Amino acid sequence: MSDVVTLTPKGLYCPAGDFYIDPWKPVDQAVITHAHADHARSGSNQYHAAASGVGLLKKRLGHNTAVQAHDFGQSIQFGDAVVSFHPAGHVLGSAQIRIDVGGIIWVISGDYKCDDDPSCEAFESVPCNVFVTEATFALPIYRWDPIERVLDQLMRWWRSNEAAGKTSVIFCYALGKAQRLLAEIGKRSERPIFVHGAVDALIPAYRDAGIRLPETIAVLDQPKDKSFAGELVIAPPAAFGSPWMQRLGECGTAFASGWMRVRGHRRRRGFDEGFVLSDHVDWPGLLGAIDATGAEKVYATHGYSDTLARYLREAMGIEAEPLQTLFEGEGDDT
């Protein structure tokens, strides 16, 4: 790749600073973009992360994990490299990693989105020479509707289920998507929202970071004979069809994901409804974000990387290559 960042069996490595970005295996110094499992792996000696994401990172890796917190925009010296964290807009504390070695600037974006999200910091465009971008939804079909339209659909669906005496259960990724939904629904309803234990465990880190969320109640904290008819429940995809759902009674089910843009995904999984809502950037946002960096070279990873790299070369005249990494795509969210 280059002298600034190179690809190794342990992940992306900066020789000038002797650190790894989102390493796949244990290393001495790990600089982490965010707390999702495909980016934050256990076993490294020292972790570095954006301050607002430290609580989530320790929840993921263990409270005794050595994590050094850094404010967004703060310059940190790693050997001959100057590093800073910049908001990625993906989940709380998600960061793009800016690396300056001798005036050559790389930005490792991790995962990101450009849409407004009350549960995390807004994406910041960072000028650079080389940009490493995700490509999770890098196809023209993936274009997100305004959040207001998605919430209108969701609230209508909830009211319809309530009128039918059903429990409304939305399945989504427990870290990031669940909290975004909670924050958005909380703007429209004062009712408490019931949550699966996997979602409940992450909520304190958001509240501690100052994120406003509505009242939440863990399903398993309720009496076994409680009726959930008319209530809204948020749960991770793994709970769909599990014994945990038996206590919810008759349910209307939905899945919130960018993959719901393709209706076949919903039919294959057996959900009643699909809401197109993603914590990743869509196709127009992706192209706009790349263009705004002014990068002369782009590496595309995580998803449709070959497609994106070819489009950047042929349609936008940007030197671009796919970059294969150990973890590809948004598997945990499907």
Protein backbone atom coordinates (compact mmCIF):
# COMPACT_ATOMS: atom_id res chain seq x y z
CA MET A 1 0.00 0.00 0.00
CA SER A 2 2.47 2.68 1.18
CA ASP A 3 4.98 3.65 3.84
CA VAL A 4 2.24 5.38 5.87
CA VAL A 5 -0.19 2.46 6.24
CA THR A 6 0.38 -1.09 5.14
CA LEU A 7 -1.74 -4.24 5.22
CA THR A 8 -0.39 -7.04 7.43
CA PRO A 9 -1.73 -10.39 8.69
CA LYS A 10 -2.85 -8.54 11.84
CA GLY A 11 -4.57 -5.71 9.97
CA LEU A 12 -3.76 -2.15 8.91
CA TYR A 13 -0.42 -1.05 10.37
CA CYS A 14 1.35 2.32 10.57
CA PRO A 15 5.12 1.65 10.73
CA ALA A 16 6.02 5.28 11.54
CA GLY A 17 3.85 5.17 14.66
CA ASP A 18 4.09 1.44 15.40
CA PHE A 19 0.33 0.98 15.86
CA TYR A 20 -2.53 -0.88 14.20
CA ILE A 21 -5.97 0.39 13.22
CA ASP A 22 -8.79 -2.00 14.16
CA PRO A 23 -6.39 -4.99 14.31
CA TRP A 24 -7.75 -8.48 13.75
CA LYS A 25 -5.33 -10.08 16.20
CA PRO A 26 -3.76 -8.95 19.51
CA VAL A 27 -1.12 -6.22 19.11
CA ASP A 28 0.74 -3.83 21.39
CA GLN A 29 -0.98 -0.57 20.32
CA ALA A 30 -4.50 -0.69 18.82
CA VAL A 31 -6.23 2.43 17.52
CA ILE A 32 -9.96 1.68 17.33
CA THR A 33 -12.55 3.32 15.09
CA HIS A 34 -15.57 2.06 17.07
CA ALA A 35 -16.87 -0.69 19.33
CA HIS A 36 -18.55 -3.05 16.86
CA ALA A 37 -17.11 -6.55 17.07
CA ASP A 38 -15.63 -6.54 13.55
CA HIS A 39 -13.54 -3.48 14.45
CA ALA A 40 -12.77 -3.98 18.15
CA ARG A 41 -11.11 -7.31 18.95
CA SER A 42 -9.90 -8.37 22.37
CA GLY A 43 -6.37 -9.21 23.50
CA SER A 44 -4.29 -6.13 22.63
CA ASN A 45 -2.09 -4.51 25.29
CA GLN A 46 -3.24 -0.90 24.84
CA TYR A 47 -6.27 0.55 23.10
CA HIS A 48 -6.85 4.12 21.93
CA ALA A 49 -10.37 5.38 21.19
CA ALA A 50 -12.50 8.51 21.00
CA ALA A 51 -13.50 9.53 24.53
CA SER A 52 -17.24 9.20 24.00
CA GLY A 53 -16.84 5.60 22.80
CA VAL A 54 -14.71 4.31 25.67
CA GLY A 55 -17.69 3.11 27.70
CA LEU A 56 -18.96 1.01 24.81
CA LEU A 57 -15.49 -0.30 24.04
CA LYS A 58 -15.00 -1.46 27.63
CA LYS A 59 -18.44 -3.04 27.59
CA ARG A 60 -17.34 -4.98 24.53
CA LEU A 61 -13.80 -5.89 25.64
CA GLY A 62 -14.08 -5.92 29.44
CA HIS A 63 -13.95 -3.17 32.06
CA ASN A 64 -10.32 -3.93 32.94
CA THR A 65 -9.15 -3.36 29.35
CA ALA A 66 -6.50 -0.63 29.06
CA VAL A 67 -8.18 2.07 26.96
CA GLN A 68 -6.79 5.58 26.53
CA ALA A 69 -9.47 8.16 25.71
CA HIS A 70 -8.85 10.96 23.21
CA ASP A 71 -11.00 13.98 22.43
CA PHE A 72 -12.09 14.51 18.84
CA GLY A 73 -9.54 16.67 17.03
CA GLN A 74 -6.80 16.16 19.64
CA SER A 75 -3.35 15.51 18.11
CA ILE A 76 -1.53 12.47 19.51
CA GLN A 77 2.11 11.69 18.75
CA PHE A 78 2.87 8.05 17.93
CA GLY A 79 6.58 7.95 17.03
CA ASP A 80 6.86 9.88 13.77
CA ALA A 81 3.11 9.85 13.15
CA VAL A 82 0.56 12.40 14.34
CA VAL A 83 -2.87 10.86 14.90
CA SER A 84 -6.26 12.42 15.59
CA PHE A 85 -9.82 11.14 15.92
CA HIS A 86 -12.69 12.70 13.96
CA PRO A 87 -16.43 11.88 14.16
CA ALA A 88 -17.66 9.20 11.77
CA GLY A 89 -21.39 9.46 12.53
CA HIS A 90 -21.79 5.66 12.64
CA VAL A 91 -22.49 4.99 16.35
CA LEU A 92 -21.63 6.76 19.60
CA GLY A 93 -17.88 7.44 19.71
CA SER A 94 -17.24 6.15 16.18
CA ALA A 95 -14.20 7.84 14.69
CA GLN A 96 -12.24 8.32 11.53
CA ILE A 97 -8.52 8.00 12.17
CA ARG A 98 -6.39 10.76 10.62
CA ILE A 99 -2.69 9.87 10.28
CA ASP A 100 -0.08 12.46 9.29
CA VAL A 101 3.40 11.18 8.47
CA GLY A 102 5.70 13.80 7.02
CA GLY A 103 2.80 15.81 5.61
CA ILE A 104 1.18 12.82 3.87
CA ILE A 105 -2.28 12.42 5.36
CA TRP A 106 -4.31 9.23 5.47
CA VAL A 107 -7.82 8.92 6.86
CA ILE A 108 -9.15 5.50 7.88
CA SER A 109 -12.90 6.01 8.03
CA GLY A 110 -14.01 2.79 9.70
CA ASP A 111 -17.79 2.73 9.22
CA TYR A 112 -19.62 6.02 8.76
CA LYS A 113 -22.81 7.77 7.70
CA CYS A 114 -23.62 11.37 6.81
CA ASP A 115 -27.25 11.45 8.02
CA ASP A 116 -28.31 13.21 11.21
CA ASP A 117 -28.46 10.91 14.23
CA PRO A 118 -29.36 12.13 17.74
CA SER A 119 -27.56 9.17 19.30
CA CYS A 120 -24.05 9.99 18.07
CA GLU A 121 -21.71 12.73 16.86
CA ALA A 122 -22.19 14.03 13.31
CA PHE A 123 -19.84 12.94 10.52
CA GLU A 124 -16.96 15.33 9.84
CA SER A 125 -15.29 15.55 6.44
CA VAL A 126 -11.51 15.35 6.84
CA PRO A 127 -9.29 16.43 3.91
CA CYS A 128 -6.56 13.91 3.11
CA ASN A 129 -4.28 12.47 0.46
CA VAL A 130 -5.50 8.89 0.90
CA PHE A 131 -8.95 7.86 2.10
CA VAL A 132 -9.86 4.33 3.23
CA THR A 133 -13.64 4.10 2.91
CA GLU A 134 -16.22 1.47 3.69
CA ALA A 135 -18.33 0.15 0.81
CA THR A 136 -21.09 -1.71 2.69
CA PHE A 137 -23.91 -0.26 0.56
CA ALA A 138 -21.88 0.87 -2.45
CA LEU A 139 -24.53 0.25 -5.11
CA PRO A 140 -26.83 2.88 -6.67
CA ILE A 141 -29.93 1.06 -5.38
CA TYR A 142 -29.04 1.93 -1.80
CA ARG A 143 -30.46 5.41 -1.15
CA TRP A 144 -31.92 6.23 2.25
CA ASP A 145 -35.25 7.95 2.77
CA PRO A 146 -35.42 10.90 5.18
CA ILE A 147 -35.64 9.67 8.77
CA GLU A 148 -38.97 11.49 9.20
CA ARG A 149 -40.54 9.30 6.52
CA VAL A 150 -39.16 6.12 8.09
CA LEU A 151 -40.47 7.14 11.52
CA ASP A 152 -43.90 7.94 10.03
CA GLN A 153 -44.03 4.37 8.67
CA LEU A 154 -42.86 2.91 11.96
CA MET A 155 -45.38 4.78 14.10
CA ARG A 156 -48.25 3.79 11.78
CA TRP A 157 -47.14 0.16 12.00
CA TRP A 158 -47.00 0.34 15.81
CA ARG A 159 -50.49 1.87 16.02
CA SER A 160 -51.86 -0.77 13.65
CA ASN A 161 -50.45 -3.59 15.76
CA GLU A 162 -51.77 -1.97 18.94
CA ALA A 163 -55.26 -1.80 17.45
CA ALA A 164 -55.00 -5.51 16.64
CA GLY A 165 -53.84 -6.36 20.17
CA LYS A 166 -50.35 -7.34 19.04
CA THR A 167 -46.89 -6.63 20.42
CA SER A 168 -44.70 -4.67 17.98
CA VAL A 169 -41.17 -6.10 17.86
CA ILE A 170 -38.44 -4.34 15.88
CA PHE A 171 -35.24 -6.28 15.30
CA CYS A 172 -32.03 -4.35 14.73
CA TYR A 173 -28.36 -4.32 15.65
CA ALA A 174 -28.07 -3.94 19.44
CA LEU A 175 -25.24 -1.37 19.28
CA GLY A 176 -26.00 1.81 17.38
CA LYS A 177 -29.20 1.06 15.49
CA ALA A 178 -31.19 0.27 18.62
CA GLN A 179 -30.14 3.51 20.32
CA ARG A 180 -30.82 5.55 17.20
CA LEU A 181 -34.32 4.12 17.04
CA LEU A 182 -34.88 4.82 20.73
CA ALA A 183 -33.73 8.43 20.37
CA GLU A 184 -35.90 9.04 17.31
CA ILE A 185 -39.01 7.32 18.70
CA GLY A 186 -38.55 9.24 21.95
CA LYS A 187 -39.15 12.46 20.02
CA ARG A 188 -42.62 11.23 19.04
CA SER A 189 -43.82 9.23 22.03
CA GLU A 190 -43.54 9.47 25.81
CA ARG A 191 -44.36 5.81 26.30
CA PRO A 192 -41.67 3.53 27.73
CA ILE A 193 -40.09 1.14 25.24
CA PHE A 194 -39.31 -2.45 26.14
CA VAL A 195 -35.93 -3.90 25.17
CA HIS A 196 -34.08 -7.18 24.97
CA GLY A 197 -31.25 -7.69 27.46
CA ALA A 198 -28.59 -7.25 24.77
CA VAL A 199 -29.94 -3.76 24.06
CA ASP A 200 -30.52 -2.95 27.73
CA ALA A 201 -26.87 -3.68 28.57
CA LEU A 202 -25.60 -0.95 26.24
CA ILE A 203 -28.02 1.83 27.17
CA PRO A 204 -26.13 3.02 30.30
CA ALA A 205 -23.06 3.88 28.19
CA TYR A 206 -25.24 6.12 26.02
CA ARG A 207 -26.94 7.80 28.95
CA ASP A 208 -23.54 8.33 30.65
CA ALA A 209 -22.33 10.06 27.47
CA GLY A 210 -25.26 12.50 27.65
CA ILE A 211 -27.39 10.96 24.90
CA ARG A 212 -31.10 11.54 25.51
CA LEU A 213 -33.08 8.32 25.31
CA PRO A 214 -36.65 7.60 26.38
CA GLU A 215 -37.53 5.37 29.32
CA THR A 216 -36.61 1.77 28.59
CA ILE A 217 -37.63 -1.41 30.41
CA ALA A 218 -35.96 -4.80 30.05
CA VAL A 219 -38.46 -7.48 29.00
CA LEU A 220 -36.93 -10.03 31.36
CA ASP A 221 -37.44 -7.68 34.33
CA GLN A 222 -41.19 -7.99 33.92
CA PRO A 223 -43.45 -10.60 35.54
CA LYS A 224 -43.92 -13.69 33.42
CA ASP A 225 -47.65 -13.06 33.18
CA LYS A 226 -47.28 -9.48 31.91
CA SER A 227 -49.11 -8.70 28.70
CA PHE A 228 -47.06 -6.82 26.10
CA ALA A 229 -50.01 -6.29 23.76
CA GLY A 230 -49.78 -2.83 22.21
CA GLU A 231 -46.23 -2.26 23.42
CA LEU A 232 -43.10 -1.66 21.35
CA VAL A 233 -40.10 -3.95 21.87
CA ILE A 234 -36.58 -3.57 20.40
CA ALA A 235 -34.42 -6.67 20.11
CA PRO A 236 -31.35 -7.96 18.22
CA PRO A 237 -31.85 -10.19 15.15
CA ALA A 238 -30.65 -13.27 17.04
CA ALA A 239 -33.77 -13.09 19.23
CA PHE A 240 -36.09 -13.60 16.24
CA GLY A 241 -37.83 -16.97 16.62
CA SER A 242 -36.10 -17.69 19.93
CA PRO A 243 -37.84 -18.90 23.13
CA TRP A 244 -37.43 -15.34 24.46
CA MET A 245 -40.22 -14.22 22.13
CA GLN A 246 -42.79 -16.60 23.62
CA ARG A 247 -43.47 -14.27 26.54
CA LEU A 248 -44.41 -11.43 24.14
CA GLY A 249 -47.63 -13.04 22.94
CA GLU A 250 -48.92 -12.42 19.43
CA CYS A 251 -46.41 -10.20 17.62
CA GLY A 252 -46.02 -8.07 14.58
CA THR A 253 -42.36 -8.23 13.56
CA ALA A 254 -40.14 -5.81 11.66
CA PHE A 255 -36.48 -5.50 10.75
CA ALA A 256 -34.68 -2.14 10.59
CA SER A 257 -31.72 -2.21 8.22
CA GLY A 258 -30.37 -0.75 5.02
CA TRP A 259 -30.79 -4.23 3.53
CA MET A 260 -34.57 -3.69 3.65
CA ARG A 261 -34.18 -1.53 0.54
CA VAL A 262 -34.26 -4.89 -1.29
CA ARG A 263 -37.59 -6.49 -0.44
CA GLY A 264 -36.28 -9.99 -0.95
CA HIS A 265 -34.24 -9.68 2.24
CA ARG A 266 -37.41 -9.17 4.28
CA ARG A 267 -39.24 -12.08 2.63
CA ARG A 268 -36.35 -14.48 3.16
CA ARG A 269 -36.11 -13.66 6.85
CA GLY A 270 -39.85 -13.88 7.46
CA PHE A 271 -40.47 -10.42 8.93
CA ASP A 272 -43.87 -8.77 8.59
CA GLU A 273 -42.39 -5.35 7.87
CA GLY A 274 -39.06 -3.82 6.91
CA PHE A 275 -37.84 -0.32 7.70
CA VAL A 276 -35.01 1.04 5.56
CA LEU A 277 -32.71 2.49 8.20
CA SER A 278 -28.95 2.11 8.23
CA ASP A 279 -26.00 3.28 10.29
CA HIS A 280 -23.91 3.16 7.11
CA VAL A 281 -23.65 5.77 4.37
CA ASP A 282 -25.79 5.29 1.25
CA TRP A 283 -24.61 5.53 -2.36
CA PRO A 284 -25.01 9.30 -2.90
CA GLY A 285 -23.60 10.05 0.56
CA LEU A 286 -20.66 7.76 -0.10
CA LEU A 287 -19.70 9.49 -3.34
CA GLY A 288 -20.15 12.91 -1.76
CA ALA A 289 -18.05 12.02 1.28
CA ILE A 290 -15.22 10.68 -0.87
CA ASP A 291 -15.25 13.72 -3.13
CA ALA A 292 -15.19 16.10 -0.15
CA THR A 293 -11.95 14.63 1.19
CA GLY A 294 -10.07 15.70 -1.96
CA ALA A 295 -8.16 12.41 -1.76
CA GLU A 296 -5.94 11.49 -4.69
CA LYS A 297 -6.15 7.79 -3.77
CA VAL A 298 -9.04 5.79 -2.30
CA TYR A 299 -9.08 2.28 -0.89
CA ALA A 300 -12.53 0.66 -0.64
CA THR A 301 -13.25 -2.04 1.91
CA HIS A 302 -16.09 -3.81 3.75
CA GLY A 303 -18.71 -4.66 1.13
CA TYR A 304 -18.99 -3.80 -2.56
CA SER A 305 -15.38 -2.67 -2.68
CA ASP A 306 -14.66 -3.81 -6.24
CA THR A 307 -17.76 -2.05 -7.57
CA LEU A 308 -16.97 1.19 -5.76
CA ALA A 309 -13.31 1.22 -6.78
CA ARG A 310 -14.22 0.69 -10.42
CA TYR A 311 -16.83 3.47 -10.34
CA LEU A 312 -14.40 5.92 -8.73
CA ARG A 313 -11.82 5.19 -11.42
CA GLU A 314 -14.13 5.24 -14.42
CA ALA A 315 -16.74 7.87 -13.47
CA MET A 316 -14.88 10.20 -11.12
CA GLY A 317 -11.27 9.86 -12.27
CA ILE A 318 -10.02 8.98 -8.79
CA GLU A 319 -7.27 6.41 -8.37
CA ALA A 320 -8.98 3.64 -6.40
CA GLU A 321 -8.46 0.03 -5.39
CA PRO A 322 -10.40 -2.53 -3.36
CA LEU A 323 -8.84 -3.49 -0.04
CA GLN A 324 -9.77 -6.94 1.23
CA THR A 325 -9.94 -7.20 5.02
CA LEU A 326 -10.69 -10.05 7.38
CA PHE A 327 -14.21 -8.82 8.17
CA GLU A 328 -16.31 -7.93 5.14
CA GLY A 329 -19.86 -6.60 4.92
CA GLU A 330 -22.51 -6.00 7.58
CA GLY A 331 -23.09 -9.62 8.54
CA ASP A 332 -24.11 -8.92 12.13
CA ASP A 333 -26.90 -6.67 10.87
CA THR A 334 -28.48 -9.22 8.53
